[in-house]
């Protein structure tokens, strides 16, 4: 089965390269460092790493506290953090300021994986969430490199997909040395796919261990002063939006303005290659727009701030009164609602939050998160919170309480990793 999988992957490799080229038309970074994706790494790298794979931006932000604890606990070992996207690569630099090494993870081709492992010789492979690749797991197992899946989640849909390739799924489950899942339901799905129950631990999500750095709080204070001005106007944010959502958000904002609520919208597209398109959408909607990338001033008649920068989202959330979390009006699975909840913000999401289902349900049950489906419901949700100080305070406090009650997963998952590194 693995041979057939690998052969198919080799056959589609030209398509993978073509995909990178297409992405590079909008984001030139995808044309760079392509050899790394085939295990051909630049000079100057170390060996004997703690290898941490974090996929992209959200995973890198979430795993950063755990990575820093590993650096303190094992000062003699350097961390190698791999991602799959240029935005993830940029986030590694922002999160760690050169204290870790970074390359793109190899494609799951046998030759690429062998070259990568020959060069880096990791003492452990730590995979964030559910980025499972058969050849990576197989070759780590052959070399005696323990593989630990942390902060793992597995939706019913994903589990059904793995079940359709049961031979590959069973192989991967057999090669994992430990799996730390966010919730019991995730764990049961891993066991159903063939994971030995003794390898499973339910630790919760490290995304709840969300610490807000002092410099972020300082930036937030400056932004609130700049955006609210003397009028103390309300500010709401639509963050990590995807194609098809920005138009709905702008419609909702226009409804708020038409109803006499002089609010400021902070609109933050998820992907940088969409920044220009979203700016044009704002312009076509007749909105007065200030671009963060140009450091344009936010005047009293500014209606939208376009968050067309990277690495600022935490501060942008903190400077707002209510948050809409994107990727949820369209079927993308949503993005992390813990980030705004940690600031004590009321949260709105669309119906498609299947990537954060358990977290969303907890926030919803406590009254801090509301599900909306269209521009009218978004506008009504924003207005009801911004015009009712009691409801705003109660929803924000409920969300903050959920975050605080769920802390501790980082230490629990660090203990699992310690068992392999200190033995």
Protein backbone atom coordinates (compact mmCIF):
# COMPACT_ATOMS: atom_id res chain seq x y z
CA UNK A 1 0.00 0.00 0.00
CA UNK A 2 2.80 2.44 0.88
CA UNK A 3 4.55 1.68 -2.43
CA UNK A 4 1.39 2.48 -4.37
CA UNK A 5 0.89 5.69 -2.34
CA UNK A 6 4.49 6.79 -2.99
CA UNK A 7 4.26 6.00 -6.71
CA UNK A 8 1.08 8.05 -7.01
CA UNK A 9 2.74 10.91 -5.16
CA UNK A 10 5.73 10.83 -7.52
CA UNK A 11 3.33 10.93 -10.48
CA UNK A 12 1.57 14.05 -9.17
CA UNK A 13 4.80 15.83 -8.21
CA UNK A 14 4.77 17.92 -11.44
CA UNK A 15 1.31 19.10 -10.42
CA UNK A 16 2.62 20.08 -6.98
CA UNK A 17 5.35 22.17 -8.60
CA UNK A 18 2.76 23.67 -10.93
CA UNK A 19 0.61 24.54 -7.94
CA UNK A 20 3.54 26.36 -6.33
CA UNK A 21 4.06 28.29 -9.55
CA UNK A 22 0.39 29.28 -9.71
CA UNK A 23 0.44 30.42 -6.09
CA UNK A 24 3.59 32.40 -6.81
CA UNK A 25 1.73 34.55 -9.34
CA UNK A 26 -0.02 36.15 -6.37
CA UNK A 27 2.60 35.43 -3.69
CA UNK A 28 6.14 35.34 -5.17
CA UNK A 29 7.48 33.68 -1.99
CA UNK A 30 6.10 30.37 -3.26
CA UNK A 31 8.78 30.40 -6.00
CA UNK A 32 11.56 30.59 -3.43
CA UNK A 33 13.38 27.76 -1.64
CA UNK A 34 11.60 25.06 -3.67
CA UNK A 35 14.55 22.66 -3.26
CA UNK A 36 13.85 22.53 0.49
CA UNK A 37 10.53 20.88 -0.28
CA UNK A 38 12.49 18.01 -1.82
CA UNK A 39 14.86 17.61 1.14
CA UNK A 40 17.72 19.59 -0.43
CA UNK A 41 18.57 21.93 2.42
CA UNK A 42 20.79 25.03 2.57
CA UNK A 43 24.29 24.91 4.10
CA UNK A 44 24.90 25.85 7.71
CA UNK A 45 22.24 23.73 9.35
CA UNK A 46 22.95 21.76 12.52
CA UNK A 47 22.03 18.12 13.19
CA UNK A 48 20.50 16.26 16.12
CA UNK A 49 17.57 18.69 16.24
CA UNK A 50 14.35 18.68 18.14
CA UNK A 51 12.17 18.78 15.03
CA UNK A 52 8.87 20.61 15.41
CA UNK A 53 6.46 20.74 12.45
CA UNK A 54 3.86 23.51 12.71
CA UNK A 55 2.39 23.74 9.16
CA UNK A 56 1.46 27.45 8.97
CA UNK A 57 0.77 30.68 10.88
CA UNK A 58 -1.89 29.57 13.36
CA UNK A 59 -0.05 26.45 14.41
CA UNK A 60 3.25 28.34 14.79
CA UNK A 61 1.66 30.97 17.02
CA UNK A 62 -0.03 28.30 19.13
CA UNK A 63 3.04 26.11 19.56
CA UNK A 64 5.48 28.94 20.33
CA UNK A 65 5.09 28.74 24.17
CA UNK A 66 5.80 24.99 24.07
CA UNK A 67 8.82 25.57 21.82
CA UNK A 68 10.25 28.14 24.23
CA UNK A 69 9.84 25.72 27.13
CA UNK A 70 11.73 23.10 25.12
CA UNK A 71 14.52 25.59 24.47
CA UNK A 72 14.87 26.26 28.19
CA UNK A 73 14.68 22.61 29.18
CA UNK A 74 17.09 21.34 26.52
CA UNK A 75 19.58 24.17 25.91
CA UNK A 76 22.04 21.76 24.30
CA UNK A 77 19.62 20.93 21.49
CA UNK A 78 18.61 23.37 18.78
CA UNK A 79 15.05 23.47 17.49
CA UNK A 80 14.24 23.00 13.82
CA UNK A 81 10.77 24.36 13.01
CA UNK A 82 9.29 23.38 9.66
CA UNK A 83 6.26 24.82 7.94
CA UNK A 84 4.54 24.34 4.60
CA UNK A 85 3.72 27.96 3.71
CA UNK A 86 5.68 31.22 3.30
CA UNK A 87 3.41 32.91 5.83
CA UNK A 88 4.28 30.15 8.28
CA UNK A 89 7.96 30.76 7.55
CA UNK A 90 7.54 34.47 8.26
CA UNK A 91 5.74 33.67 11.52
CA UNK A 92 8.66 31.49 12.66
CA UNK A 93 10.96 34.50 12.29
CA UNK A 94 8.56 36.75 14.19
CA UNK A 95 7.94 34.24 16.97
CA UNK A 96 11.53 33.17 17.57
CA UNK A 97 13.77 36.00 16.28
CA UNK A 98 16.42 33.65 14.92
CA UNK A 99 16.70 31.40 17.98
CA UNK A 100 15.48 28.39 15.96
CA UNK A 101 16.32 27.10 12.50
CA UNK A 102 13.65 26.93 9.83
CA UNK A 103 13.21 25.15 6.50
CA UNK A 104 10.17 24.01 4.58
CA UNK A 105 9.05 20.48 5.41
CA UNK A 106 9.84 17.95 2.68
CA UNK A 107 7.13 16.59 0.46
CA UNK A 108 6.23 13.06 1.53
CA UNK A 109 8.33 11.46 -1.21
CA UNK A 110 10.66 8.69 0.03
CA UNK A 111 13.77 10.34 -1.45
CA UNK A 112 12.88 13.79 -0.14
CA UNK A 113 12.21 12.49 3.36
CA UNK A 114 15.46 10.48 3.38
CA UNK A 115 17.52 13.51 2.34
CA UNK A 116 15.84 15.63 4.99
CA UNK A 117 16.44 13.12 7.79
CA UNK A 118 20.00 12.36 6.66
CA UNK A 119 20.83 16.04 6.93
CA UNK A 120 18.99 17.06 10.10
CA UNK A 121 19.18 13.78 12.11
CA UNK A 122 16.43 14.78 14.56
CA UNK A 123 16.23 13.16 17.98
CA UNK A 124 12.45 13.49 17.95
CA UNK A 125 9.72 14.53 15.52
CA UNK A 126 6.92 16.60 17.09
CA UNK A 127 3.96 17.22 14.80
CA UNK A 128 1.44 19.94 15.57
CA UNK A 129 -2.22 18.94 15.18
CA UNK A 130 -2.90 16.38 12.42
CA UNK A 131 -0.31 16.80 9.68
CA UNK A 132 0.27 13.08 9.11
CA UNK A 133 2.46 11.80 6.26
CA UNK A 134 3.05 8.05 5.79
CA UNK A 135 6.64 8.19 4.50
CA UNK A 136 7.73 10.62 7.21
CA UNK A 137 6.32 8.35 9.91
CA UNK A 138 7.70 5.20 8.28
CA UNK A 139 11.23 6.53 7.92
CA UNK A 140 11.30 8.06 11.39
CA UNK A 141 10.27 4.66 12.75
CA UNK A 142 13.02 2.88 10.81
CA UNK A 143 15.63 5.28 12.22
CA UNK A 144 14.37 5.04 15.79
CA UNK A 145 13.18 8.66 15.81
CA UNK A 146 10.13 8.91 18.09
CA UNK A 147 7.15 10.73 16.60
CA UNK A 148 4.74 12.59 18.86
CA UNK A 149 1.52 14.15 17.62
CA UNK A 150 0.55 17.09 19.83
CA UNK A 151 -2.60 19.19 20.12
CA UNK A 152 -4.18 16.60 17.83
CA UNK A 153 -7.71 16.90 16.55
CA UNK A 154 -9.60 14.71 14.13
CA UNK A 155 -13.06 15.66 12.92
CA UNK A 156 -15.62 13.06 11.97
CA UNK A 157 -15.22 14.04 8.31
CA UNK A 158 -11.43 13.68 8.39
CA UNK A 159 -11.70 10.36 10.20
CA UNK A 160 -14.08 9.10 7.51
CA UNK A 161 -11.57 10.14 4.87
CA UNK A 162 -8.76 8.24 6.57
CA UNK A 163 -11.03 5.20 6.96
CA UNK A 164 -11.39 5.04 3.18
CA UNK A 165 -7.64 4.34 2.98
CA UNK A 166 -7.57 2.05 5.98
CA UNK A 167 -4.26 0.42 5.07
CA UNK A 168 -2.40 3.74 5.06
CA UNK A 169 -4.27 4.95 8.16
CA UNK A 170 -3.37 1.80 10.11
CA UNK A 171 0.26 2.11 9.04
CA UNK A 172 0.44 5.70 10.29
CA UNK A 173 -1.27 4.88 13.57
CA UNK A 174 1.22 2.06 14.17
CA UNK A 175 4.22 4.34 13.63
CA UNK A 176 3.12 7.07 16.03
CA UNK A 177 4.72 6.80 19.46
CA UNK A 178 2.36 9.13 21.32
CA UNK A 179 -0.71 11.19 20.52
CA UNK A 180 -1.90 14.07 22.70
CA UNK A 181 -5.46 14.93 21.69
CA UNK A 182 -7.50 17.98 22.50
CA UNK A 183 -10.72 16.13 23.35
CA UNK A 184 -11.95 12.61 24.09
CA UNK A 185 -13.96 12.52 20.86
CA UNK A 186 -10.79 13.18 18.86
CA UNK A 187 -9.01 10.41 20.75
CA UNK A 188 -11.72 7.85 20.05
CA UNK A 189 -11.46 8.55 16.32
CA UNK A 190 -7.70 7.91 16.41
CA UNK A 191 -8.29 4.62 18.24
CA UNK A 192 -10.96 3.64 15.71
CA UNK A 193 -8.35 4.15 12.96
CA UNK A 194 -5.95 1.75 14.67
CA UNK A 195 -4.02 3.74 17.28
CA UNK A 196 -3.12 1.67 20.33
CA UNK A 197 -5.06 3.14 23.30
CA UNK A 198 -1.90 3.13 25.42
CA UNK A 199 -0.35 5.72 23.10
CA UNK A 200 -3.21 8.16 23.62
CA UNK A 201 -3.50 10.97 26.17
CA UNK A 202 -6.24 13.61 26.42
CA UNK A 203 -4.49 16.87 27.28
CA UNK A 204 -6.73 19.66 26.02
CA UNK A 205 -5.66 22.32 23.54
CA UNK A 206 -2.46 24.31 23.92
CA UNK A 207 -4.24 27.15 22.15
CA UNK A 208 -5.90 27.93 25.48
CA UNK A 209 -2.43 28.68 26.92
CA UNK A 210 -2.54 31.97 25.11
CA UNK A 211 -0.24 34.50 26.77
CA UNK A 212 -0.40 38.10 25.63
CA UNK A 213 3.08 39.63 25.58
CA UNK A 214 3.63 43.04 27.24
CA UNK A 215 4.70 44.61 23.95
CA UNK A 216 1.44 43.43 22.37
CA UNK A 217 -0.55 45.04 25.18
CA UNK A 218 1.39 48.28 24.64
CA UNK A 219 0.64 48.19 20.91
CA UNK A 220 -3.02 47.58 21.69
CA UNK A 221 -3.19 50.63 23.93
CA UNK A 222 -1.75 52.81 21.17
CA UNK A 223 -4.16 51.40 18.59
CA UNK A 224 -7.22 51.95 20.78
CA UNK A 225 -6.24 55.56 21.32
CA UNK A 226 -5.66 56.06 17.59
CA UNK A 227 -8.85 54.35 16.45
CA UNK A 228 -11.36 55.54 19.01
CA UNK A 229 -10.23 59.13 19.31
CA UNK A 230 -12.04 61.59 21.53
CA UNK A 231 -15.43 60.20 20.46
CA UNK A 232 -14.64 56.71 21.86
CA UNK A 233 -16.34 55.21 18.82
CA UNK A 234 -16.89 51.43 18.87
CA UNK A 235 -14.49 49.21 16.93
CA UNK A 236 -15.18 45.72 15.60
CA UNK A 237 -12.90 43.32 13.76
CA UNK A 238 -13.49 40.70 11.08
CA UNK A 239 -10.35 38.58 11.20
CA UNK A 240 -8.89 35.85 8.98
CA UNK A 241 -11.52 36.30 6.29
CA UNK A 242 -11.56 34.16 3.16
CA UNK A 243 -12.76 34.62 -0.40
CA UNK A 244 -16.52 35.14 -0.35
CA UNK A 245 -16.64 36.55 3.18
CA UNK A 246 -15.33 40.10 2.75
CA UNK A 247 -18.32 41.21 0.69
CA UNK A 248 -20.67 39.97 3.42
CA UNK A 249 -18.65 41.74 6.12
CA UNK A 250 -18.70 45.01 4.18
CA UNK A 251 -22.46 44.69 3.67
CA UNK A 252 -22.87 44.19 7.42
CA UNK A 253 -20.72 47.23 8.13
CA UNK A 254 -22.77 49.35 5.74
CA UNK A 255 -25.93 48.26 7.55
CA UNK A 256 -24.39 49.40 10.85
CA UNK A 257 -23.48 52.76 9.36
CA UNK A 258 -26.94 53.15 7.84
CA UNK A 259 -28.45 52.49 11.26
CA UNK A 260 -26.45 55.36 12.72
CA UNK A 261 -23.77 53.33 14.53
CA UNK A 262 -20.54 55.18 13.76
CA UNK A 263 -18.38 52.09 14.17
CA UNK A 264 -14.94 51.39 12.73
CA UNK A 265 -14.34 48.05 11.01
CA UNK A 266 -10.92 46.37 11.13
CA UNK A 267 -10.89 43.95 8.18
CA UNK A 268 -8.07 41.39 8.16
CA UNK A 269 -7.90 38.93 5.23
CA UNK A 270 -6.36 35.56 6.06
CA UNK A 271 -3.96 35.41 3.10
CA UNK A 272 -1.63 38.24 2.04
CA UNK A 273 -2.14 37.54 -1.66
CA UNK A 274 -5.72 38.77 -1.19
CA UNK A 275 -4.85 42.12 0.36
CA UNK A 276 -5.13 44.08 -2.89
CA UNK A 277 -8.39 42.39 -3.89
CA UNK A 278 -9.96 43.18 -0.53
CA UNK A 279 -8.77 46.79 -0.74
CA UNK A 280 -10.53 47.07 -4.09
CA UNK A 281 -13.68 45.58 -2.58
CA UNK A 282 -13.63 48.25 0.15
CA UNK A 283 -13.12 50.97 -2.45
CA UNK A 284 -15.94 49.63 -4.64
CA UNK A 285 -18.22 49.61 -1.60
CA UNK A 286 -17.56 53.32 -1.19
CA UNK A 287 -15.77 52.94 2.14
CA UNK A 288 -13.15 55.35 3.44
CA UNK A 289 -10.20 52.99 3.96
CA UNK A 290 -6.94 53.24 5.87
CA UNK A 291 -4.27 50.63 5.11
CA UNK A 292 -2.11 49.34 7.96
CA UNK A 293 0.74 48.54 5.58
CA UNK A 294 0.96 52.20 4.51
CA UNK A 295 0.58 53.43 8.10
CA UNK A 296 -2.16 55.73 6.85
CA UNK A 297 -3.77 57.81 9.62
CA UNK A 298 -7.16 56.78 10.92
CA UNK A 299 -9.30 59.89 10.76
CA UNK A 300 -12.75 60.50 12.19
CA UNK A 301 -14.29 59.74 8.78
CA UNK A 302 -12.33 56.50 8.26
CA UNK A 303 -14.78 53.62 8.06
CA UNK A 304 -12.49 50.64 7.48
CA UNK A 305 -8.93 49.81 8.50
CA UNK A 306 -7.52 47.14 6.20
CA UNK A 307 -5.20 44.89 8.19
CA UNK A 308 -2.86 44.15 5.29
CA UNK A 309 0.16 43.31 7.44
CA UNK A 310 1.43 40.11 9.04
CA UNK A 311 2.07 39.41 12.71
CA UNK A 312 -0.27 42.06 14.15
CA UNK A 313 -3.47 40.12 14.65
CA UNK A 314 -3.11 39.70 18.42
CA UNK A 315 -2.75 43.44 18.91
CA UNK A 316 -5.58 44.19 16.48
CA UNK A 317 -7.92 41.90 18.42
CA UNK A 318 -7.03 43.59 21.69
CA UNK A 319 -7.87 47.03 20.33
CA UNK A 320 -11.42 46.04 19.37
CA UNK A 321 -14.74 45.65 21.17
CA UNK A 322 -16.12 42.58 19.39
CA UNK A 323 -14.69 40.05 16.92
CA UNK A 324 -15.96 38.09 13.97
CA UNK A 325 -13.76 35.05 13.24
CA UNK A 326 -13.49 34.25 9.54
CA UNK A 327 -13.25 31.07 7.54
CA UNK A 328 -16.67 30.28 8.98
CA UNK A 329 -19.20 31.84 6.59
CA UNK A 330 -17.69 29.64 3.88
CA UNK A 331 -16.93 25.94 4.49
CA UNK A 332 -13.26 26.33 5.51
CA UNK A 333 -13.66 25.13 9.08
CA UNK A 334 -13.11 28.47 10.78
CA UNK A 335 -10.12 29.88 12.63
CA UNK A 336 -9.11 30.05 16.27
CA UNK A 337 -11.76 31.80 18.44
CA UNK A 338 -9.54 31.52 21.52
CA UNK A 339 -7.40 34.49 20.43
CA UNK A 340 -10.22 37.07 20.75
CA UNK A 341 -11.73 35.20 23.72
CA UNK A 342 -8.43 35.56 25.60
CA UNK A 343 -8.83 39.33 25.33
CA UNK A 344 -12.33 39.06 26.81
CA UNK A 345 -14.06 39.92 23.54
CA UNK A 346 -17.53 38.73 22.56
CA UNK A 347 -17.20 36.58 19.43
CA UNK A 348 -19.28 36.02 16.30
CA UNK A 349 -18.68 33.18 13.85
CA UNK A 350 -20.38 31.71 10.84
CA UNK A 351 -21.79 28.16 10.89
CA UNK A 352 -18.68 26.42 9.50
CA UNK A 353 -16.47 26.04 12.59
CA UNK A 354 -15.80 22.31 12.29
CA UNK A 355 -12.04 22.74 12.83
CA UNK A 356 -12.77 24.23 16.27
CA UNK A 357 -16.04 22.53 17.08
CA UNK A 358 -15.46 21.67 20.76
CA UNK A 359 -13.96 25.08 21.54
CA UNK A 360 -16.79 26.85 19.73
CA UNK A 361 -19.40 24.85 21.63
CA UNK A 362 -17.82 25.72 24.98
CA UNK A 363 -17.84 29.44 24.18
CA UNK A 364 -21.37 29.24 22.80
CA UNK A 365 -22.74 27.37 25.83
CA UNK A 366 -21.36 30.06 28.16
CA UNK A 367 -22.97 32.82 26.11
CA UNK A 368 -19.81 34.44 24.77
CA UNK A 369 -20.07 33.28 21.16
CA UNK A 370 -22.95 33.69 18.74
CA UNK A 371 -23.40 31.98 15.37
CA UNK A 372 -24.43 34.19 12.45
CA UNK A 373 -25.22 33.32 8.82
CA UNK A 374 -25.46 36.51 6.75
CA UNK A 375 -24.82 40.25 6.69
CA UNK A 376 -28.04 41.09 8.46
CA UNK A 377 -27.32 38.73 11.36
CA UNK A 378 -23.73 39.96 11.64
CA UNK A 379 -24.89 43.59 11.79
CA UNK A 380 -27.56 42.71 14.37
CA UNK A 381 -25.05 40.77 16.47
CA UNK A 382 -22.49 43.58 16.42
CA UNK A 383 -25.07 46.25 17.18
CA UNK A 384 -26.68 44.33 20.05
CA UNK A 385 -23.31 43.94 21.78
CA UNK A 386 -21.94 47.41 21.07
CA UNK A 387 -25.08 49.18 22.28
CA UNK A 388 -25.55 47.12 25.45
CA UNK A 389 -22.64 47.52 27.87
CA UNK A 390 -24.00 44.85 30.23
CA UNK A 391 -24.31 42.24 27.47
CA UNK A 392 -20.85 43.19 26.20
CA UNK A 393 -19.26 42.75 29.63
CA UNK A 394 -21.03 39.44 30.33
CA UNK A 395 -20.15 37.86 26.96
CA UNK A 396 -16.54 38.99 27.19
CA UNK A 397 -16.17 37.75 30.76
CA UNK A 398 -17.68 34.37 29.82
CA UNK A 399 -15.18 33.89 26.99
CA UNK A 400 -12.23 34.91 29.15
CA UNK A 401 -13.35 32.46 31.85
CA UNK A 402 -13.47 29.57 29.36
CA UNK A 403 -9.90 30.32 28.29
CA UNK A 404 -8.63 30.48 31.87
CA UNK A 405 -10.41 27.27 32.89
CA UNK A 406 -8.84 25.31 30.05
CA UNK A 407 -5.21 26.32 30.57
CA UNK A 408 -2.48 23.76 31.26
CA UNK A 409 -2.30 21.67 28.09
CA UNK A 410 1.18 22.95 27.23
CA UNK A 411 2.70 21.53 30.41
CA UNK A 412 0.85 18.23 29.95
CA UNK A 413 2.11 17.86 26.40
CA UNK A 414 5.62 18.89 27.42
CA UNK A 415 5.61 16.04 29.92
CA UNK A 416 4.87 13.57 27.11
CA UNK A 417 7.77 14.92 25.04
CA UNK A 418 10.06 14.81 28.08
CA UNK A 419 9.45 11.08 28.27
CA UNK A 420 11.20 10.63 24.93
CA UNK A 421 13.94 13.26 25.26
CA UNK A 422 15.07 12.61 28.82
CA UNK A 423 15.03 8.83 28.68
